Amino acid sequence: MLTQIICLFFKILGPNELAEHHPLLNTADLHGGVFVPADAVADQSAICKVLSNLAEAGGAKYVTDCKFENLLTENGRVAAVDTSLGIINCQFFVNCAGMVSQKLQ
């Protein structure tokens, strides 16, 4: 049964119901939880834009129209990225390749 308070629909779940919604959740020490069907619904494009703006405001630089060639490592960490535009040295490297991220080796 879904309940509504202040336009928020939710359902109180017991440990077994929580496990049905989230099979990887350890429910051994839980007495229950709250399920909100509309929770975590967001516009992915808007989230990416906001995160991009915040990163740029914090000093991040985005390079477009540039083909990845290889990762250059030092002491087991990424030190630079070899690209079609040359080598980009980096203090931090964020792999945003999604499903093909494992191919970046």
Protein backbone atom coordinates (compact mmCIF):
# COMPACT_ATOMS: atom_id res chain seq x y z
CA MET A 1 0.00 0.00 0.00
CA LEU A 2 1.42 3.36 -1.05
CA THR A 3 0.94 6.23 1.36
CA GLN A 4 0.92 9.93 0.51
CA ILE A 5 2.12 12.74 2.75
CA ILE A 6 2.65 16.23 1.30
CA CYS A 7 2.53 14.91 -2.29
CA LEU A 8 5.22 12.31 -1.59
CA PHE A 9 4.21 8.73 -2.34
CA PHE A 10 6.05 6.09 -0.32
CA LYS A 11 5.75 2.58 1.06
CA ILE A 12 7.23 1.24 4.28
CA LEU A 13 8.99 -2.06 3.58
CA GLY A 14 10.20 -4.87 5.79
CA PRO A 15 13.63 -6.51 5.32
CA ASN A 16 12.35 -9.15 2.88
CA GLU A 17 10.64 -6.55 0.69
CA LEU A 18 13.79 -4.41 0.74
CA ALA A 19 15.79 -7.40 -0.48
CA GLU A 20 13.29 -7.86 -3.34
CA HIS A 21 13.86 -4.26 -4.47
CA HIS A 22 17.63 -4.34 -3.91
CA PRO A 23 18.99 -7.93 -4.01
CA LEU A 24 22.55 -6.83 -3.09
CA LEU A 25 21.41 -5.00 0.06
CA ASN A 26 22.47 -6.64 3.33
CA THR A 27 19.23 -6.71 5.32
CA ALA A 28 20.53 -8.75 8.29
CA ASP A 29 20.53 -5.73 10.62
CA LEU A 30 17.60 -3.80 9.12
CA HIS A 31 14.10 -3.60 10.55
CA GLY A 32 12.67 -1.86 7.51
CA GLY A 33 12.97 0.99 5.10
CA VAL A 34 11.04 3.46 3.02
CA PHE A 35 10.51 2.97 -0.71
CA VAL A 36 9.80 6.11 -2.75
CA PRO A 37 8.91 5.08 -6.33
CA ALA A 38 9.71 8.54 -7.74
CA ASP A 39 13.04 8.79 -5.90
CA ALA A 40 16.17 9.04 -8.03
CA VAL A 41 14.24 10.11 -11.09
CA ALA A 42 16.25 12.82 -12.78
CA ASP A 43 17.10 14.40 -16.09
CA GLN A 44 20.52 12.85 -16.84
CA SER A 45 21.38 15.57 -19.33
CA ALA A 46 20.70 18.31 -16.79
CA ILE A 47 22.78 16.51 -14.14
CA CYS A 48 25.71 16.18 -16.56
CA LYS A 49 25.49 19.87 -17.45
CA VAL A 50 25.45 20.95 -13.80
CA LEU A 51 28.38 18.65 -12.92
CA SER A 52 30.27 19.91 -15.96
CA ASN A 53 29.74 23.53 -14.95
CA LEU A 54 30.82 22.83 -11.37
CA ALA A 55 33.93 20.99 -12.56
CA GLU A 56 34.88 23.86 -14.88
CA ALA A 57 34.30 26.35 -12.08
CA GLY A 58 36.69 24.27 -10.00
CA GLY A 59 39.39 24.33 -12.67
CA ALA A 60 38.64 21.24 -14.78
CA LYS A 61 39.27 21.55 -18.51
CA TYR A 62 37.33 19.66 -21.19
CA VAL A 63 38.96 18.74 -24.49
CA THR A 64 36.65 17.93 -27.40
CA ASP A 65 37.23 16.67 -30.95
CA CYS A 66 40.25 14.80 -29.70
CA LYS A 67 40.90 11.07 -30.16
CA PHE A 68 42.23 9.04 -27.24
CA GLU A 69 45.37 7.07 -28.11
CA ASN A 70 46.86 5.73 -24.87
CA LEU A 71 47.22 6.20 -21.12
CA LEU A 72 50.72 6.97 -19.88
CA THR A 73 51.40 5.77 -16.34
CA GLU A 74 54.04 6.35 -13.67
CA ASN A 75 54.23 4.28 -10.49
CA GLY A 76 50.92 2.58 -11.32
CA ARG A 77 48.99 5.85 -11.77
CA VAL A 78 47.88 7.76 -14.84
CA ALA A 79 50.33 10.61 -15.42
CA ALA A 80 49.26 11.69 -18.90
CA VAL A 81 46.95 10.90 -21.79
CA ASP A 82 48.31 10.51 -25.31
CA THR A 83 45.78 11.98 -27.77
CA SER A 84 45.46 13.00 -31.39
CA LEU A 85 46.21 16.55 -30.21
CA GLY A 86 49.33 15.54 -28.27
CA ILE A 87 50.10 14.49 -24.74
CA ILE A 88 48.01 15.94 -21.92
CA ASN A 89 49.72 15.74 -18.52
CA CYS A 90 47.34 15.33 -15.63
CA GLN A 91 47.37 15.27 -11.87
CA PHE A 92 44.00 13.50 -11.88
CA PHE A 93 42.39 11.30 -14.52
CA VAL A 94 38.65 10.58 -14.69
CA ASN A 95 37.60 7.77 -16.98
CA CYS A 96 34.19 8.73 -18.41
CA ALA A 97 34.15 6.19 -21.22
CA GLY A 98 31.16 4.32 -19.80
CA MET A 99 30.64 0.82 -21.18
CA VAL A 100 33.94 0.87 -23.11
CA SER A 101 36.02 2.06 -20.15
CA GLN A 102 37.72 -1.35 -19.81
CA LYS A 103 39.21 -0.89 -23.27
CA LEU A 104 41.24 2.10 -22.06
CA GLN A 105 44.38 0.27 -20.95
